[in-house]
Amino acid sequence: MRKGLKRTFMSWMYLDSYISLHGNESLRLENCRRILEYNDVLVRLQTPDMTVEVWGTGLRVFDYNDNSVLVTGKITSVHLSERRKRT
């Protein structure tokens, strides 16, 4: 019950994360909390409820403001994983 209520509240307050992928050259992630790892082949990003891994070559991060991140370069894969809850 709590998870459904939390999800409804996040959606209502526009706190969900949104990913826009433009070909294999750029990815924009809305509602990004932090950059966990960043190099030219991997960018790991944290959102409120998942971790996003962007794999590729020549990756660069731009526009990290207002909880939005733009990743550019040759993107080969995007991996989403649910964040583990703290106990």
Protein backbone atom coordinates (compact mmCIF):
# COMPACT_ATOMS: atom_id res chain seq x y z
CA MET A 1 0.00 0.00 0.00
CA ARG A 2 2.78 2.46 0.93
CA LYS A 3 4.67 1.83 -2.32
CA GLY A 4 1.58 2.59 -4.41
CA LEU A 5 0.92 5.76 -2.44
CA LYS A 6 4.55 6.86 -2.79
CA ARG A 7 4.50 6.21 -6.56
CA THR A 8 1.25 8.21 -6.94
CA PHE A 9 2.66 11.11 -4.94
CA MET A 10 5.92 11.14 -6.95
CA SER A 11 3.99 11.14 -10.21
CA TRP A 12 1.68 13.91 -9.03
CA MET A 13 4.63 16.07 -7.92
CA TYR A 14 6.55 15.38 -11.18
CA LEU A 15 9.31 13.57 -9.26
CA ASP A 16 9.50 10.56 -11.58
CA SER A 17 12.62 10.15 -13.67
CA TYR A 18 12.42 10.55 -17.44
CA ILE A 19 14.95 9.30 -19.98
CA SER A 20 15.15 10.67 -23.52
CA LEU A 21 17.45 8.87 -25.93
CA HIS A 22 18.28 10.55 -29.25
CA GLY A 23 19.73 7.93 -31.58
CA ASN A 24 22.94 6.60 -30.09
CA GLU A 25 24.49 10.05 -29.61
CA SER A 26 22.78 11.63 -26.60
CA LEU A 27 20.71 10.79 -23.53
CA ARG A 28 18.93 13.19 -21.20
CA LEU A 29 17.93 12.06 -17.72
CA GLU A 30 15.46 14.20 -15.77
CA ASN A 31 15.36 14.05 -11.96
CA CYS A 32 18.95 12.88 -11.52
CA ARG A 33 20.11 12.98 -7.91
CA ARG A 34 23.85 12.50 -8.42
CA ILE A 35 26.60 11.31 -10.71
CA LEU A 36 28.03 8.13 -9.17
CA GLU A 37 30.74 7.38 -11.72
CA TYR A 38 31.95 9.16 -14.83
CA ASN A 39 34.60 8.24 -17.39
CA ASP A 40 34.76 8.00 -21.18
CA VAL A 41 33.13 4.52 -21.35
CA LEU A 42 30.68 4.52 -18.38
CA VAL A 43 28.41 7.08 -16.75
CA ARG A 44 26.47 5.87 -13.68
CA LEU A 45 23.66 8.12 -12.48
CA GLN A 46 21.39 7.90 -9.44
CA THR A 47 17.71 8.79 -9.45
CA PRO A 48 15.34 8.58 -6.47
CA ASP A 49 14.45 4.95 -7.24
CA MET A 50 17.01 3.51 -9.68
CA THR A 51 20.57 3.56 -10.97
CA VAL A 52 21.14 4.27 -14.67
CA GLU A 53 24.31 3.02 -16.38
CA VAL A 54 25.18 4.48 -19.77
CA TRP A 55 27.88 2.54 -21.65
CA GLY A 56 29.67 3.70 -24.78
CA THR A 57 32.76 5.48 -26.06
CA GLY A 58 33.75 9.11 -25.79
CA LEU A 59 31.04 9.79 -23.21
CA ARG A 60 30.78 13.30 -21.77
CA VAL A 61 28.37 14.84 -19.25
CA PHE A 62 26.83 18.26 -19.83
CA ASP A 63 24.07 20.39 -18.30
CA TYR A 64 24.09 18.99 -14.77
CA ASN A 65 21.65 21.53 -13.38
CA ASP A 66 18.07 21.53 -12.16
CA ASN A 67 18.31 17.75 -11.63
CA SER A 68 18.86 17.12 -15.32
CA VAL A 69 21.89 15.51 -17.02
CA LEU A 70 22.84 15.31 -20.69
CA VAL A 71 25.22 12.50 -21.70
CA THR A 72 26.75 12.66 -25.18
CA GLY A 73 29.06 10.35 -27.13
CA LYS A 74 28.56 7.02 -28.87
CA ILE A 75 26.09 5.19 -26.61
CA THR A 76 26.14 1.40 -26.93
CA SER A 77 23.83 0.40 -24.05
CA VAL A 78 21.72 1.72 -21.19
CA HIS A 79 21.15 -0.41 -18.09
CA LEU A 80 18.51 0.32 -15.43
CA SER A 81 18.60 -1.24 -11.98
CA GLU A 82 16.33 -0.67 -9.01
CA ARG A 83 18.05 0.88 -6.00
CA ARG A 84 18.41 -1.27 -2.93
CA LYS A 85 16.56 -0.07 0.13
CA ARG A 86 18.56 0.75 3.26
CA THR A 87 17.85 -1.45 6.23
